[in-house]
Protein backbone atom coordinates (compact mmCIF):
# COMPACT_ATOMS: atom_id res chain seq x y z
CA MET A 1 -0.14 0.34 -0.04
CA GLN A 2 1.28 3.19 -1.03
CA ILE A 3 -0.33 6.64 -0.09
CA TRP A 4 -0.13 9.55 -3.33
CA VAL A 5 -0.22 13.19 -2.40
CA ASP A 6 -1.80 15.71 -5.03
CA ALA A 7 0.75 17.95 -3.39
CA ASP A 8 0.24 21.39 -4.75
CA ALA A 9 -2.82 22.58 -3.12
CA CYS A 10 -2.39 20.44 0.04
CA PRO A 11 -2.64 22.05 3.52
CA ARG A 12 0.89 22.01 4.88
CA ALA A 13 -0.34 20.59 7.97
CA VAL A 14 -1.88 17.59 6.10
CA LYS A 15 1.47 17.00 4.99
CA GLU A 16 3.28 17.10 8.31
CA ILE A 17 0.42 14.75 9.37
CA LEU A 18 1.58 12.00 6.46
CA PHE A 19 5.22 13.01 7.05
CA LYS A 20 4.27 11.32 10.54
CA VAL A 21 2.21 9.03 9.51
CA ALA A 22 5.10 7.56 7.29
CA GLU A 23 7.61 6.76 9.78
CA ARG A 24 5.29 5.49 12.16
CA ARG A 25 2.96 3.38 9.98
CA GLN A 26 6.33 2.40 7.68
CA VAL A 27 3.71 3.18 4.76
CA ALA A 28 5.23 5.01 1.47
CA VAL A 29 4.36 8.40 0.92
CA THR A 30 4.95 10.37 -2.36
CA LEU A 31 3.93 13.71 -2.93
CA VAL A 32 3.29 14.93 -6.66
CA ALA A 33 3.19 18.39 -7.63
CA ASN A 34 4.35 20.77 -10.27
CA ALA A 35 7.05 22.79 -8.16
CA TRP A 36 10.06 21.19 -6.03
CA MET A 37 9.21 20.57 -2.24
CA THR A 38 11.03 19.49 0.37
CA VAL A 39 10.16 16.86 2.98
CA PRO A 40 12.04 14.99 5.76
CA PRO A 41 15.29 12.82 4.64
CA SER A 42 13.27 9.37 4.85
CA PRO A 43 13.48 6.24 2.57
CA LEU A 44 9.46 6.07 3.22
CA ILE A 45 8.97 10.04 1.79
CA LYS A 46 9.38 10.55 -2.13
CA THR A 47 8.28 13.45 -4.01
CA ILE A 48 7.98 13.61 -8.14
CA GLN A 49 7.84 16.95 -9.69
CA VAL A 50 5.94 17.31 -12.88
CA GLY A 51 6.36 19.97 -15.32
CA ALA A 52 3.47 22.86 -15.59
CA GLY A 53 0.38 22.73 -16.83
CA PHE A 54 -3.35 21.95 -16.36
CA ASN A 55 -3.74 18.22 -14.12
CA VAL A 56 -0.25 17.24 -15.04
CA ALA A 57 0.37 16.04 -11.91
CA ASP A 58 -3.17 14.54 -11.45
CA ASP A 59 -2.78 12.31 -14.49
CA GLU A 60 0.60 11.74 -12.77
CA ILE A 61 -1.09 10.35 -9.72
CA ALA A 62 -3.74 8.65 -11.78
CA GLU A 63 -1.26 6.79 -13.93
CA LEU A 64 0.53 5.47 -10.77
CA ALA A 65 -1.92 4.65 -8.22
CA GLN A 66 -3.04 1.11 -8.21
CA TYR A 67 -5.80 -1.27 -6.39
CA GLY A 68 -5.57 -0.83 -2.56
CA ASP A 69 -3.66 2.84 -2.43
CA LEU A 70 -4.63 5.88 -1.08
CA VAL A 71 -4.36 9.12 -2.32
CA ILE A 72 -4.86 12.26 -0.27
CA THR A 73 -6.86 14.87 -2.77
CA ALA A 74 -9.28 17.35 -3.15
CA ASP A 75 -9.79 17.30 -6.78
CA ILE A 76 -13.33 15.13 -7.64
CA PRO A 77 -11.79 13.92 -11.01
CA LEU A 78 -8.71 12.80 -9.74
CA ALA A 79 -10.71 10.53 -7.24
CA ASP A 80 -12.90 9.51 -9.55
CA LYS A 81 -10.38 8.22 -11.58
CA ILE A 82 -8.78 6.69 -8.74
CA VAL A 83 -11.62 4.94 -7.36
CA ASP A 84 -12.32 3.95 -10.53
CA LYS A 85 -8.76 1.23 -10.38
CA GLY A 86 -9.30 0.37 -7.16
CA ALA A 87 -7.70 2.72 -4.92
CA THR A 88 -9.15 5.29 -2.67
CA GLY A 89 -8.94 8.91 -2.31
CA LEU A 90 -9.26 11.12 1.18
CA ASN A 91 -9.51 14.77 0.95
CA PRO A 92 -7.81 17.27 3.45
CA ARG A 93 -10.90 17.60 5.11
CA GLY A 94 -11.38 14.50 6.31
CA GLU A 95 -13.63 13.14 3.59
CA LEU A 96 -13.19 9.49 1.98
CA TYR A 97 -13.59 8.71 -2.18
CA ASP A 98 -14.56 5.25 -2.39
CA ALA A 99 -16.79 3.09 -4.86
CA ASP A 100 -19.97 3.76 -2.76
CA ASN A 101 -20.09 7.43 -3.01
CA ILE A 102 -17.25 8.90 -5.43
CA LYS A 103 -20.15 9.24 -8.49
CA GLY A 104 -22.89 11.00 -6.69
CA ILE A 105 -19.69 13.76 -4.98
CA LEU A 106 -18.81 14.06 -9.00
CA ARG A 107 -22.29 14.79 -10.19
CA MET A 108 -22.68 17.23 -7.07
CA ARG A 109 -19.57 18.94 -8.02
CA ASN A 110 -20.11 19.54 -11.47
CA LEU A 111 -24.03 20.95 -10.83
CA MET A 112 -22.02 23.17 -8.30
CA GLU A 113 -19.43 24.11 -11.45
CA GLU A 114 -22.15 24.61 -13.52
CA LEU A 115 -24.34 26.92 -10.56
CA ARG A 116 -21.25 28.96 -10.22
CA SER A 117 -20.44 29.45 -14.13
CA ALA A 118 -24.41 30.63 -14.21
CA GLY A 119 -23.50 33.11 -11.35
CA THR A 120 -26.13 31.38 -8.89
CA ALA A 121 -23.66 29.67 -6.75
CA GLY A 122 -20.32 31.48 -5.45
CA GLY A 123 -17.26 30.64 -3.73
CA GLY A 124 -15.36 28.07 -2.46
CA PRO A 125 -14.78 26.01 0.60
CA PRO A 126 -14.06 28.10 3.95
CA ALA A 127 -10.40 27.91 5.21
CA TYR A 128 -8.87 24.69 6.61
CA GLY A 129 -9.21 25.06 10.09
CA PRO A 130 -8.31 22.63 13.09
CA LYS A 131 -11.48 20.96 13.11
CA ASP A 132 -10.93 19.79 9.51
CA LYS A 133 -7.26 19.02 10.42
CA GLN A 134 -8.89 16.39 12.58
CA ASP A 135 -11.50 15.25 10.69
CA PHE A 136 -8.56 14.17 7.96
CA THR A 137 -6.36 12.33 10.85
CA ASN A 138 -9.45 10.47 12.70
CA GLN A 139 -10.19 9.10 9.21
CA LEU A 140 -6.26 8.52 7.76
CA ASP A 141 -5.73 6.75 11.12
CA LYS A 142 -9.51 4.43 10.58
CA PHE A 143 -8.33 3.77 6.76
CA LEU A 144 -4.53 2.90 7.74
CA THR A 145 -5.76 0.54 10.29
CA ARG A 146 -7.70 -0.96 8.36
CA ALA A 147 -5.69 -1.70 5.19
CA LEU A 148 -2.38 -2.26 7.56
CA SER A 149 -4.31 -5.34 9.42
CA GLY A 150 -5.81 -6.68 6.02
CA GLY A 151 -9.50 -5.99 6.58
């Protein structure tokens, strides 16, 4: 099992949690981004820098993620792609994306995008806060406990 991180827009707090989890749980974590990143020295923590461009990092993650992997992303279309491959997605705010819910979440995302384009809905998510960090940490711990125990 591998953890992939859509790292360009991933909150720093989430990356720090993942660095600790990599060492504590002995799980490989790979951050994929357009920009160069500094990570702690560890054989379990790697980075992949991709070229600039729309969805380049997402496409790389979608290509590399495999069945049973976990992908940290807030990008719903990417989550849909990796779930189709048998991986699981986890939003930095703690929402799990899996085969049971991703199609409905994708439909809602597309509807909201249409409403924003038409000017009938506005804004994005609120600022990342302590509750988001706690929700993410709890969901990550549950996922890893199940995955690493074979359940």
